[in-house]
Amino acid sequence: MHRPSAAVLSAPWLFLSLLAAQAPAAPADTALPAGAPAAMRTITRADLLRDATWLASDERGGRLTGSPGQIAAAKYISDRFASLGLEPLGDVSEDGQARGFLQHYGIVRTYVDASTALQLGSLRLEQGFSILGGKAMDEAIEGKLRFVGLGRTRGSQAEVGEDDSLDGTVAVAVIRPPRGNVERQLSVEQKFAMSFRSFGQLGSTAKALEKKGAKAVLFLMIEDPMGLADVLNYLAMSPGKASVAPRFAGADGQMAMMSQMFGGSGGAPTIVLSVPASERVLAELGVGKDAVLQFLAGDAELPAAKADLQAKGQLKIVRDDEATATNVVAVLRGSDPKLAEEALVYSAHMDHVGTRMDGEVFNGADDNASGSAGLLAIAAAYAKSAEKPKRSIVFLSVSGEELGLWGSAFYADNPTWAADKIVADINTDMIGRSGPESGPEQVTVTPSNRHAMFSTLVRDAAGLAEQLGLSFESGDKYYMRSDHYNFAKKGIPVVFFCNGEHEDYHQVSDTADKLDGAKMERIARLAFWTGWNAANADERPSKLGKQDDWR
């Protein structure tokens, strides 16, 4: 699910409490309710977990848009669509004779070249660091390492005095952890709020040290209670983790702009090291971690460090202005000669947020390998059904959701099915867990009955959910945060099925072993049944507006 932009994060209603424990999974009844389509039985937890586990494996590297892992995910999904006999509905070939399953859109991809490394004394670092700025460069780093504590250049506590010079040095400063106790589990929104304040201080410190003559500034993280390393995943580049910006009209580029906003000093390279890498640098400097912690607490003087260590390295950051990312699009043609001209869309995003600078993978098992697995299972159920729906069914797997709903925005503006013939979008994103916002027998849904865009599609889904032993909870705070929104903006009725955020949302701990296959099965079956009925109804889904209840 898309994390809102910095501007949106200022709204207090988005600061979620994620303190409740995950509820135990409830077994799903594999028997079908009366009147359910027989094909629903083919949607099974075993298949769902198999696909979600593949997509969320470490080998996919967090599926950042435009990365090899996201490209592999797109191939996995397109190969599955092809094996089901679905018709390709992506880009037209250059000769105009055929379509493929992939739909490409433009991105700008800025990444750390594989040749980049830091030599700090005898220590060589090829990963474990993030480079602030988001811009291309090919810059040498060379000079003596100088440990400057917190990097203060003014006042009585300055580690670099008024007459002191850093000419020809690489300054090594420590990031001060937040004062007081920090709760162990913070939401992404809370991490961003705290980290923004920290980044402001880093920028000021880096500029001050650069004015003193530093050739580069290295920031060490001794501890990371506020999850700064997680947030750097959005705001900086590291080996294996690119900075990505959209390259098409109508895209939301706020996430890409944020990495420029926190671009370090603007001159000398500014680099933040992970906790493990920071500990190795301290050891190289001959400085004990406990001594640094005592200094930060105000209980000891700045510990002395070796003064004869040489730093050397080459920071090469490459900008690819012609990169592309991919959606995967397929269609099952409807059986009714007239209604087949209309289509219902199922959507889910395949991408996630990549790899942290310490090498830990953001697996994105619930967000959104779970919803992507649901899309594949739903596609298989339609393809294998002896009875075909009257309307056509478009299966849309998008990328770029985490960066600003890019893939669905591009598809909505460049549809491969006539936009005025799209009757509804059913979106699945994060359907594999229970937590603070939904229990094992609950689904978080938007637009709710209290939303102006509540429609017959959602009303009918609520009735089907009851037959599956599920109840609906309002998810209206997510109305603008996943791919259904780009269809809703076009006036198309939508329904979004998810389980809401939980303690592993956008954490490296969102792994496949925590998925609840029974809940995935129930929600995927609900999405299938909802779409099946809408695809076979005489009338299109229509807007109802605010209602007193779901039914």
Protein backbone atom coordinates (compact mmCIF):
# COMPACT_ATOMS: atom_id res chain seq x y z
CA MET A 1 0.00 0.00 0.00
CA HIS A 2 1.23 3.44 -0.92
CA ARG A 3 2.73 5.46 1.93
CA PRO A 4 1.30 9.01 1.76
CA SER A 5 3.55 11.94 0.81
CA ALA A 6 5.22 14.22 3.32
CA ALA A 7 2.43 16.77 2.93
CA VAL A 8 -0.24 14.19 3.66
CA LEU A 9 1.70 12.87 6.65
CA SER A 10 1.18 16.18 8.42
CA ALA A 11 -2.48 15.28 8.88
CA PRO A 12 -2.88 13.95 12.43
CA TRP A 13 -5.59 11.46 11.47
CA LEU A 14 -2.99 9.44 9.54
CA PHE A 15 -0.90 8.69 12.62
CA LEU A 16 -2.02 5.16 13.33
CA SER A 17 -1.68 3.21 16.55
CA LEU A 18 -0.31 -0.24 15.74
CA LEU A 19 0.08 -1.56 19.25
CA ALA A 20 -2.47 -4.38 19.15
CA ALA A 21 -1.14 -7.89 18.71
CA GLN A 22 -1.88 -9.86 15.57
CA ALA A 23 -5.02 -11.92 16.03
CA PRO A 24 -4.72 -15.67 15.51
CA ALA A 25 -5.77 -16.96 12.11
CA ALA A 26 -9.21 -18.52 11.83
CA PRO A 27 -9.70 -21.50 9.54
CA ALA A 28 -11.71 -20.75 6.41
CA ASP A 29 -14.56 -23.00 5.39
CA THR A 30 -13.64 -24.42 1.99
CA ALA A 31 -17.28 -25.35 1.30
CA LEU A 32 -19.03 -22.83 -0.93
CA PRO A 33 -22.12 -20.92 0.22
CA ALA A 34 -25.36 -21.48 -1.64
CA GLY A 35 -25.40 -19.70 -4.98
CA ALA A 36 -21.65 -19.19 -5.17
CA PRO A 37 -20.02 -19.81 -8.56
CA ALA A 38 -18.41 -23.23 -8.71
CA ALA A 39 -15.14 -21.74 -9.98
CA MET A 40 -14.66 -20.06 -6.59
CA ARG A 41 -13.57 -23.42 -5.21
CA THR A 42 -10.36 -23.29 -7.28
CA ILE A 43 -9.12 -20.33 -5.18
CA THR A 44 -7.16 -22.08 -2.44
CA ARG A 45 -4.87 -20.97 0.34
CA ALA A 46 -2.16 -23.36 -0.87
CA ASP A 47 -1.96 -21.65 -4.27
CA LEU A 48 -2.18 -18.21 -2.73
CA LEU A 49 0.65 -18.88 -0.29
CA ARG A 50 2.80 -20.44 -3.01
CA ASP A 51 2.60 -17.36 -5.24
CA ALA A 52 2.93 -14.86 -2.39
CA THR A 53 5.99 -16.69 -1.05
CA TRP A 54 7.70 -16.58 -4.45
CA LEU A 55 7.00 -12.90 -4.93
CA ALA A 56 8.11 -12.04 -1.38
CA SER A 57 11.34 -14.05 -1.40
CA ASP A 58 14.71 -12.43 -0.76
CA GLU A 59 15.62 -13.22 -4.37
CA ARG A 60 13.12 -10.58 -5.55
CA GLY A 61 15.05 -7.93 -3.61
CA GLY A 62 11.97 -6.06 -2.43
CA ARG A 63 10.54 -5.54 -5.97
CA LEU A 64 11.34 -1.82 -6.17
CA THR A 65 9.83 -0.36 -9.33
CA GLY A 66 12.23 -0.73 -12.26
CA SER A 67 14.53 -3.11 -10.38
CA PRO A 68 15.45 -6.64 -11.51
CA GLY A 69 13.14 -8.00 -8.80
CA GLN A 70 10.14 -6.06 -10.07
CA ILE A 71 10.93 -7.10 -13.64
CA ALA A 72 11.11 -10.74 -12.48
CA ALA A 73 7.73 -10.34 -10.75
CA ALA A 74 6.21 -8.95 -13.95
CA LYS A 75 7.55 -11.93 -15.92
CA TYR A 76 6.19 -14.37 -13.32
CA ILE A 77 2.73 -12.81 -13.59
CA SER A 78 2.74 -12.51 -17.39
CA ASP A 79 3.91 -16.13 -17.74
CA ARG A 80 1.02 -17.20 -15.52
CA PHE A 81 -1.48 -15.21 -17.55
CA ALA A 82 -0.13 -16.81 -20.72
CA SER A 83 -0.37 -20.32 -19.24
CA LEU A 84 -4.04 -19.66 -18.42
CA GLY A 85 -4.75 -18.82 -22.03
CA LEU A 86 -5.62 -15.19 -21.29
CA GLU A 87 -5.36 -12.65 -24.08
CA PRO A 88 -2.50 -10.11 -23.86
CA LEU A 89 -3.70 -6.53 -23.37
CA GLY A 90 -0.45 -4.61 -22.94
CA ASP A 91 1.56 -2.59 -25.43
CA VAL A 92 1.17 -3.03 -29.16
CA SER A 93 4.28 -4.32 -30.92
CA GLU A 94 6.37 -1.93 -33.01
CA ASP A 95 4.93 -3.35 -36.23
CA GLY A 96 1.41 -2.83 -34.87
CA GLN A 97 0.48 -6.46 -35.42
CA ALA A 98 0.20 -7.85 -31.90
CA ARG A 99 -0.05 -7.02 -28.23
CA GLY A 100 2.10 -8.31 -25.42
CA PHE A 101 1.21 -8.69 -21.74
CA LEU A 102 3.50 -5.83 -20.64
CA GLN A 103 2.58 -2.16 -20.61
CA HIS A 104 5.63 0.08 -20.22
CA TYR A 105 5.80 3.58 -18.78
CA GLY A 106 8.75 5.93 -18.38
CA ILE A 107 10.79 6.40 -15.23
CA VAL A 108 14.10 8.03 -14.35
CA ARG A 109 16.30 5.61 -12.45
CA THR A 110 19.31 6.95 -10.52
CA TYR A 111 21.49 4.27 -8.98
CA VAL A 112 24.83 3.59 -7.31
CA ASP A 113 27.24 2.03 -9.78
CA ALA A 114 28.70 -1.34 -8.78
CA SER A 115 32.19 0.19 -8.80
CA THR A 116 31.35 2.43 -5.82
CA ALA A 117 33.18 1.55 -2.61
CA LEU A 118 34.64 3.29 0.43
CA GLN A 119 38.11 2.47 1.74
CA LEU A 120 38.38 3.72 5.32
CA GLY A 121 41.77 2.78 6.66
CA SER A 122 41.96 -0.99 6.22
CA LEU A 123 38.16 -1.27 6.11
CA ARG A 124 36.46 -1.60 2.71
CA LEU A 125 32.72 -0.95 2.47
CA GLU A 126 30.81 -1.94 -0.66
CA GLN A 127 27.41 -1.72 1.03
CA GLY A 128 25.96 -0.60 4.35
CA PHE A 129 25.72 3.07 3.45
CA SER A 130 23.27 5.54 1.90
CA ILE A 131 24.18 8.56 -0.21
CA LEU A 132 21.97 11.61 0.18
CA GLY A 133 21.04 13.79 -2.73
CA GLY A 134 19.39 11.71 -5.44
CA LYS A 135 21.67 13.13 -8.14
CA ALA A 136 24.19 11.71 -10.59
CA MET A 137 27.85 12.11 -9.68
CA ASP A 138 31.29 10.64 -10.26
CA GLU A 139 33.35 12.00 -7.43
CA ALA A 140 36.51 10.90 -5.69
CA ILE A 141 36.77 10.91 -1.91
CA GLU A 142 40.25 11.21 -0.46
CA GLY A 143 41.65 12.54 2.78
CA LYS A 144 42.41 11.70 6.37
CA LEU A 145 39.55 10.50 8.54
CA ARG A 146 38.75 12.90 11.36
CA PHE A 147 36.31 11.96 14.09
CA VAL A 148 34.34 15.11 15.00
CA GLY A 149 31.80 13.80 17.50
CA LEU A 150 28.45 15.45 16.81
CA GLY A 151 30.08 17.75 14.28
CA ARG A 152 29.33 20.95 16.19
CA THR A 153 31.20 24.03 14.95
CA ARG A 154 29.78 26.69 17.27
CA GLY A 155 29.46 27.29 20.98
CA SER A 156 31.32 26.03 24.00
CA GLN A 157 30.71 22.38 23.10
CA ALA A 158 32.03 22.64 19.54
CA GLU A 159 34.18 19.69 18.48
CA VAL A 160 35.50 21.77 15.55
CA GLY A 161 36.53 25.14 16.90
CA GLU A 162 36.29 28.54 15.26
CA ASP A 163 39.93 28.50 14.16
CA ASP A 164 39.99 24.78 13.39
CA SER A 165 40.25 23.60 9.78
CA LEU A 166 39.03 20.38 8.18
CA ASP A 167 40.87 20.98 4.90
CA GLY A 168 41.81 17.73 3.23
CA THR A 169 39.82 15.57 5.67
CA VAL A 170 36.79 13.32 5.59
CA ALA A 171 34.71 14.26 8.62
CA VAL A 172 33.13 11.43 10.63
CA ALA A 173 30.21 12.57 12.79
CA VAL A 174 27.78 10.71 15.02
CA ILE A 175 24.00 11.00 14.68
CA ARG A 176 22.52 11.85 18.05
CA PRO A 177 19.71 9.41 18.92
CA PRO A 178 16.43 11.00 20.05
CA ARG A 179 16.32 11.95 23.71
CA GLY A 180 14.30 9.81 26.09
CA ASN A 181 12.82 6.40 25.52
CA VAL A 182 11.46 5.64 22.07
CA GLU A 183 8.73 3.05 21.77
CA ARG A 184 10.07 -0.06 20.12
CA GLN A 185 7.28 -0.25 17.54
CA LEU A 186 6.67 2.92 15.59
CA SER A 187 4.38 3.33 12.61
CA VAL A 188 5.93 4.42 9.32
CA GLU A 189 4.28 7.82 9.76
CA GLN A 190 5.89 8.26 13.19
CA LYS A 191 9.28 7.18 11.82
CA PHE A 192 9.02 9.73 9.04
CA ALA A 193 8.07 12.52 11.42
CA MET A 194 11.03 11.82 13.70
CA SER A 195 13.43 11.21 10.83
CA PHE A 196 12.53 14.47 9.09
CA ARG A 197 13.65 16.33 12.19
CA SER A 198 16.86 14.31 12.25
CA PHE A 199 17.51 14.97 8.54
CA GLY A 200 17.21 18.70 9.09
CA GLN A 201 19.98 18.49 11.67
CA LEU A 202 22.13 16.31 9.41
CA GLY A 203 21.86 18.84 6.60
CA SER A 204 22.89 21.73 8.85
CA THR A 205 25.80 19.77 10.28
CA ALA A 206 27.04 18.66 6.86
CA LYS A 207 26.98 22.24 5.53
CA ALA A 208 28.88 23.53 8.56
CA LEU A 209 31.55 20.84 8.22
CA GLU A 210 31.86 21.49 4.50
CA LYS A 211 32.46 25.19 5.23
CA LYS A 212 35.29 24.09 7.47
CA GLY A 213 36.86 22.32 4.49
CA ALA A 214 35.64 18.72 4.80
CA LYS A 215 35.86 16.83 1.48
CA ALA A 216 33.02 14.53 2.53
CA VAL A 217 30.90 13.89 5.60
CA LEU A 218 30.22 10.42 6.97
CA PHE A 219 27.44 10.09 9.56
CA LEU A 220 27.52 7.11 11.92
CA MET A 221 24.40 5.56 13.46
CA ILE A 222 25.34 4.11 16.83
CA GLU A 223 21.74 3.15 17.54
CA ASP A 224 18.58 3.41 15.45
CA PRO A 225 15.53 3.49 17.72
CA MET A 226 13.51 5.68 15.34
CA GLY A 227 14.08 3.54 12.25
CA LEU A 228 16.21 6.05 10.35
CA ALA A 229 17.61 3.23 8.19
CA ASP A 230 14.08 2.33 7.09
CA VAL A 231 13.26 5.91 6.18
CA LEU A 232 16.53 6.34 4.28
CA ASN A 233 15.17 3.68 1.95
CA TYR A 234 12.83 6.38 0.60
CA LEU A 235 15.14 9.38 0.80
CA ALA A 236 18.55 8.18 -0.34
CA MET A 237 20.40 5.78 -2.59
CA SER A 238 22.49 2.83 -1.54
CA PRO A 239 24.14 -0.04 -3.42
CA GLY A 240 21.28 -2.11 -4.81
CA LYS A 241 18.66 0.55 -4.00
CA ALA A 242 17.99 3.12 -6.71
CA SER A 243 16.19 6.44 -6.58
CA VAL A 244 13.21 6.38 -8.96
CA ALA A 245 11.18 9.24 -10.44
CA PRO A 246 8.24 9.15 -12.88
CA ARG A 247 8.67 10.18 -16.51
CA PHE A 248 5.14 10.58 -17.82
CA ALA A 249 2.43 13.20 -17.65
CA GLY A 250 0.09 13.11 -14.69
CA ALA A 251 2.37 11.18 -12.33
CA ASP A 252 2.65 12.00 -8.65
CA GLY A 253 6.36 12.78 -8.17
CA GLN A 254 6.30 13.80 -4.50
CA MET A 255 8.10 10.69 -3.29
CA ALA A 256 10.88 11.23 -5.84
CA MET A 257 11.19 14.90 -4.85
CA MET A 258 11.73 13.98 -1.22
CA SER A 259 15.17 12.48 -1.92
CA GLN A 260 16.19 15.80 -3.49
CA MET A 261 14.73 17.69 -0.52
CA PHE A 262 17.08 15.87 1.85
CA GLY A 263 20.09 16.09 -0.39
CA GLY A 264 22.83 16.56 2.16
CA SER A 265 25.12 19.58 2.02
CA GLY A 266 24.69 20.22 -1.70
CA GLY A 267 28.47 20.15 -2.23
CA ALA A 268 30.61 17.62 -0.40
CA PRO A 269 29.18 14.09 -0.58
CA THR A 270 27.08 13.23 2.47
CA ILE A 271 26.85 9.58 3.45
CA VAL A 272 24.98 7.84 6.27
CA LEU A 273 26.25 4.46 7.45
CA SER A 274 24.14 1.63 8.83
CA VAL A 275 24.49 0.56 12.45
CA PRO A 276 26.67 -2.50 11.60
CA ALA A 277 28.86 -0.47 9.23
CA SER A 278 29.13 2.32 11.81
CA GLU A 279 30.38 -0.12 14.42
CA ARG A 280 33.06 -1.34 12.01
CA VAL A 281 34.17 2.24 11.31
CA LEU A 282 34.37 3.00 15.03
CA ALA A 283 36.52 -0.08 15.51
CA GLU A 284 38.77 1.07 12.67
CA LEU A 285 39.07 4.46 14.38
CA GLY A 286 39.93 2.77 17.67
CA VAL A 287 36.87 4.22 19.40
CA GLY A 288 34.69 2.12 21.68
CA LYS A 289 30.92 2.16 21.19
CA ASP A 290 30.32 2.50 24.95
CA ALA A 291 32.64 5.50 25.06
CA VAL A 292 30.63 7.17 22.30
CA LEU A 293 27.34 6.44 24.09
CA GLN A 294 28.72 7.98 27.27
CA PHE A 295 29.78 11.04 25.29
CA LEU A 296 26.32 11.34 23.72
CA ALA A 297 24.74 11.08 27.17
CA GLY A 298 26.95 13.92 28.41
CA ASP A 299 28.79 11.67 30.85
CA ALA A 300 32.21 11.72 29.18
CA GLU A 301 34.48 13.74 26.91
CA LEU A 302 34.75 13.08 23.20
CA PRO A 303 36.79 9.88 22.90
CA ALA A 304 40.09 10.15 21.08
CA ALA A 305 40.35 8.50 17.67
CA LYS A 306 43.24 7.50 15.43
CA ALA A 307 44.41 10.48 13.44
CA ASP A 308 46.43 8.80 10.69
CA LEU A 309 43.78 6.79 8.86
CA GLN A 310 43.30 7.55 5.18
CA ALA A 311 39.93 7.54 3.44
CA LYS A 312 39.65 6.86 -0.25
CA GLY A 313 36.79 6.01 -2.57
CA GLN A 314 34.88 6.78 -5.71
CA LEU A 315 31.20 7.60 -5.58
CA LYS A 316 29.70 6.89 -8.97
CA ILE A 317 25.98 7.49 -9.30
CA VAL A 318 24.38 6.94 -12.70
CA ARG A 319 21.18 8.52 -13.98
CA ASP A 320 19.18 6.60 -16.58
CA ASP A 321 16.68 8.96 -18.20
CA GLU A 322 15.29 6.29 -20.52
CA ALA A 323 14.37 3.60 -17.99
CA THR A 324 10.96 1.97 -17.96
CA ALA A 325 8.75 0.14 -15.51
CA THR A 326 6.01 -2.31 -16.37
CA ASN A 327 2.40 -3.17 -15.75
CA VAL A 328 1.04 -6.56 -16.78
CA VAL A 329 -2.37 -6.60 -18.47
CA ALA A 330 -4.52 -9.51 -19.71
CA VAL A 331 -8.17 -10.00 -20.60
CA LEU A 332 -10.74 -12.78 -20.64
CA ARG A 333 -13.37 -11.92 -23.25
CA GLY A 334 -16.96 -11.98 -22.09
CA SER A 335 -19.52 -14.45 -23.42
CA ASP A 336 -22.37 -12.03 -24.16
CA PRO A 337 -22.13 -10.51 -27.67
CA LYS A 338 -23.11 -7.06 -26.42
CA LEU A 339 -21.96 -6.93 -22.79
CA ALA A 340 -18.53 -8.30 -23.76
CA GLU A 341 -17.71 -4.79 -24.98
CA GLU A 342 -17.69 -3.75 -21.32
CA ALA A 343 -15.04 -4.88 -18.85
CA LEU A 344 -14.56 -5.19 -15.13
CA VAL A 345 -10.98 -4.67 -13.93
CA TYR A 346 -9.23 -6.58 -11.16
CA SER A 347 -6.09 -4.78 -9.97
CA ALA A 348 -3.22 -5.38 -7.55
CA HIS A 349 0.27 -3.92 -7.32
CA MET A 350 3.33 -6.16 -7.61
CA ASP A 351 5.97 -3.67 -6.39
CA HIS A 352 7.35 -2.96 -2.95
CA VAL A 353 10.10 -0.69 -1.57
CA GLY A 354 13.37 -2.53 -2.23
CA THR A 355 16.34 -3.30 -0.02
CA ARG A 356 17.61 -1.46 3.05
CA MET A 357 21.17 -0.14 3.05
CA ASP A 358 22.32 -2.90 5.40
CA GLY A 359 21.20 -5.51 2.86
CA GLU A 360 17.96 -6.43 4.60
CA VAL A 361 15.12 -6.98 2.11
CA PHE A 362 11.73 -5.34 2.44
CA ASN A 363 9.96 -8.53 1.33
CA GLY A 364 6.49 -6.98 1.15
CA ALA A 365 4.71 -10.27 1.73
CA ASP A 366 1.43 -8.73 2.79
CA ASP A 367 2.13 -5.50 0.88
CA ASN A 368 1.47 -6.64 -1.73
CA ALA A 369 2.54 -10.18 -2.58
CA SER A 370 -0.71 -11.21 -0.90
CA GLY A 371 -2.93 -9.11 -3.17
CA SER A 372 -0.91 -10.10 -6.24
CA ALA A 373 -1.35 -13.76 -5.35
CA GLY A 374 -5.07 -13.02 -5.03
CA LEU A 375 -5.09 -11.52 -8.53
CA LEU A 376 -3.41 -14.64 -9.95
CA ALA A 377 -5.84 -16.95 -8.16
CA ILE A 378 -8.84 -14.94 -9.36
CA ALA A 379 -7.51 -14.96 -12.94
CA ALA A 380 -7.08 -18.74 -12.76
CA ALA A 381 -10.62 -19.20 -11.43
CA TYR A 382 -12.09 -17.23 -14.34
CA ALA A 383 -9.89 -18.95 -16.91
CA LYS A 384 -10.72 -22.45 -15.67
CA SER A 385 -14.45 -21.86 -15.21
CA ALA A 386 -16.66 -23.86 -17.57
CA GLU A 387 -19.09 -20.93 -17.55
CA LYS A 388 -17.72 -17.59 -18.73
CA PRO A 389 -18.89 -14.18 -17.49
CA LYS A 390 -21.02 -12.02 -19.76
CA ARG A 391 -18.75 -9.01 -19.49
CA SER A 392 -15.05 -9.14 -20.20
CA ILE A 393 -12.57 -9.27 -17.31
CA VAL A 394 -9.31 -7.31 -17.34
CA PHE A 395 -6.53 -8.44 -15.01
CA LEU A 396 -4.16 -5.57 -14.20
CA SER A 397 -0.95 -6.02 -12.21
CA VAL A 398 0.70 -2.65 -11.70
CA SER A 399 4.05 -1.37 -10.50
CA GLY A 400 4.93 2.01 -8.98
CA GLU A 401 2.14 1.90 -6.41
CA GLU A 402 4.47 2.48 -3.47
CA LEU A 403 6.02 5.50 -5.17
CA GLY A 404 2.79 7.33 -5.97
CA LEU A 405 0.30 4.96 -7.66
CA TRP A 406 2.25 5.38 -10.91
CA GLY A 407 1.32 2.19 -12.77
CA SER A 408 -2.41 2.54 -12.24
CA ALA A 409 -2.25 6.27 -13.01
CA PHE A 410 -0.56 5.49 -16.32
CA TYR A 411 -3.09 2.78 -17.13
CA ALA A 412 -6.06 4.97 -16.22
CA ASP A 413 -4.79 7.68 -18.58
CA ASN A 414 -3.62 5.20 -21.24
CA PRO A 415 -6.11 2.33 -20.96
CA THR A 416 -5.81 -0.66 -23.25
CA TRP A 417 -9.57 -1.17 -22.86
CA ALA A 418 -11.88 1.70 -23.75
CA ALA A 419 -12.20 3.80 -20.59
CA ASP A 420 -15.92 4.42 -21.07
CA LYS A 421 -16.43 0.66 -21.23
CA ILE A 422 -14.76 -0.08 -17.88
CA VAL A 423 -17.62 -0.67 -15.44
CA ALA A 424 -15.74 -1.22 -12.16
CA ASP A 425 -12.37 -1.83 -10.50
CA ILE A 426 -11.85 -4.38 -7.72
CA ASN A 427 -8.50 -3.81 -6.01
CA THR A 428 -6.72 -6.17 -3.59
CA ASP A 429 -3.83 -4.83 -1.53
CA MET A 430 -2.66 -6.33 1.78
CA ILE A 431 -5.13 -9.18 2.24
CA GLY A 432 -2.92 -11.62 4.14
CA ARG A 433 -2.86 -10.52 7.77
CA SER A 434 -5.01 -9.58 10.73
CA GLY A 435 -4.14 -6.88 13.19
CA PRO A 436 -5.29 -3.67 14.81
CA GLU A 437 -7.71 -2.75 12.04
CA SER A 438 -9.27 -6.08 11.11
CA GLY A 439 -9.61 -9.49 12.70
CA PRO A 440 -9.58 -12.88 10.95
CA GLU A 441 -13.25 -12.47 10.01
CA GLN A 442 -13.12 -8.80 9.02
CA VAL A 443 -12.19 -6.94 5.85
CA THR A 444 -11.21 -3.28 5.63
CA VAL A 445 -13.13 -1.75 2.73
CA THR A 446 -13.41 1.57 0.93
CA PRO A 447 -15.52 3.37 -0.16
CA SER A 448 -17.62 2.60 2.89
CA ASN A 449 -21.32 3.28 3.29
CA ARG A 450 -20.37 6.65 4.82
CA HIS A 451 -18.40 7.66 1.72
CA ALA A 452 -19.85 9.75 -1.11
CA MET A 453 -18.61 7.18 -3.66
CA PHE A 454 -20.33 4.20 -2.03
CA SER A 455 -21.85 2.12 -4.83
CA THR A 456 -23.93 -0.92 -5.62
CA LEU A 457 -20.62 -2.75 -6.13
CA VAL A 458 -19.69 -2.33 -2.45
CA ARG A 459 -23.24 -2.85 -1.23
CA ASP A 460 -23.49 -6.17 -3.05
CA ALA A 461 -20.03 -7.18 -1.83
CA ALA A 462 -21.18 -6.66 1.76
CA GLY A 463 -24.00 -9.14 1.25
CA LEU A 464 -21.64 -11.72 -0.25
CA ALA A 465 -19.18 -11.19 2.59
CA GLU A 466 -21.84 -12.17 5.11
CA GLN A 467 -22.28 -15.49 3.32
CA LEU A 468 -18.53 -16.06 3.65
CA GLY A 469 -18.58 -15.25 7.37
CA LEU A 470 -16.91 -11.85 6.89
CA SER A 471 -17.88 -8.39 8.04
CA PHE A 472 -16.77 -5.01 6.71
CA GLU A 473 -14.82 -2.30 8.54
CA SER A 474 -14.41 1.18 7.05
CA GLY A 475 -11.13 1.72 5.25
CA ASP A 476 -11.94 5.18 3.95
CA LYS A 477 -8.61 6.58 5.12
CA TYR A 478 -7.11 4.38 2.36
CA TYR A 479 -9.42 5.70 -0.35
CA MET A 480 -6.59 7.68 -2.01
CA ARG A 481 -3.78 5.31 -1.09
CA SER A 482 -4.02 2.38 -3.47
CA ASP A 483 -4.61 1.75 -7.15
CA HIS A 484 -8.41 1.80 -7.16
CA TYR A 485 -8.18 5.57 -6.61
CA ASN A 486 -7.00 6.24 -10.18
CA PHE A 487 -10.14 4.51 -11.46
CA ALA A 488 -12.35 6.29 -8.95
CA LYS A 489 -11.02 9.64 -10.17
CA LYS A 490 -12.43 8.73 -13.59
CA GLY A 491 -15.88 8.16 -12.06
CA ILE A 492 -15.61 4.37 -12.21
CA PRO A 493 -17.16 2.47 -9.25
CA VAL A 494 -14.47 0.78 -7.15
CA VAL A 495 -14.10 -1.47 -4.15
CA PHE A 496 -10.86 -1.93 -2.24
CA PHE A 497 -10.34 -5.03 -0.11
CA CYS A 498 -7.49 -5.03 2.44
CA ASN A 499 -6.77 -5.82 6.07
CA GLY A 500 -5.36 -2.41 7.07
CA GLU A 501 -1.91 -1.66 8.42
CA HIS A 502 -0.18 -3.74 11.08
CA GLU A 503 3.08 -3.79 13.00
CA ASP A 504 5.07 -5.12 10.02
CA TYR A 505 3.76 -2.58 7.48
CA HIS A 506 6.73 -1.33 5.39
CA GLN A 507 9.15 -3.16 7.69
CA VAL A 508 11.72 -5.80 6.75
CA SER A 509 9.66 -8.08 9.01
CA ASP A 510 6.75 -8.27 6.50
CA THR A 511 7.67 -11.82 5.52
CA ALA A 512 5.74 -14.68 3.92
CA ASP A 513 5.80 -16.92 7.00
CA LYS A 514 3.39 -14.48 8.70
CA LEU A 515 0.72 -14.65 6.01
CA ASP A 516 -2.67 -16.07 6.92
CA GLY A 517 -3.61 -18.30 3.99
CA ALA A 518 -7.14 -18.80 5.27
CA LYS A 519 -7.85 -15.06 5.30
CA MET A 520 -6.27 -14.64 1.87
CA GLU A 521 -8.53 -17.39 0.56
CA ARG A 522 -11.66 -15.79 1.98
CA ILE A 523 -10.91 -12.30 0.64
CA ALA A 524 -9.82 -13.54 -2.79
CA ARG A 525 -13.02 -15.60 -3.03
CA LEU A 526 -15.04 -12.55 -1.99
CA ALA A 527 -13.34 -10.43 -4.67
CA PHE A 528 -13.98 -13.11 -7.29
CA TRP A 529 -17.66 -13.48 -6.35
CA THR A 530 -18.18 -9.72 -6.25
CA GLY A 531 -16.73 -9.34 -9.73
CA TRP A 532 -18.52 -12.40 -11.08
CA ASN A 533 -21.91 -11.04 -10.09
CA ALA A 534 -21.13 -7.56 -11.43
CA ALA A 535 -19.86 -9.03 -14.70
CA ASN A 536 -23.10 -10.97 -15.17
CA ALA A 537 -25.57 -8.31 -14.03
CA ASP A 538 -27.84 -6.60 -16.54
CA GLU A 539 -26.86 -3.16 -15.26
CA ARG A 540 -23.48 -1.66 -14.54
CA PRO A 541 -22.51 -0.93 -10.90
CA SER A 542 -23.70 2.54 -9.96
CA LYS A 543 -23.07 5.19 -7.32
CA LEU A 544 -25.38 5.25 -4.30
CA GLY A 545 -23.76 7.94 -2.14
CA LYS A 546 -23.75 7.91 1.66
CA GLN A 547 -26.00 5.31 3.28
CA ASP A 548 -26.97 4.41 6.83
CA ASP A 549 -25.47 0.93 6.58
CA TRP A 550 -23.56 -1.36 4.21
CA ARG A 551 -26.72 -3.13 2.99
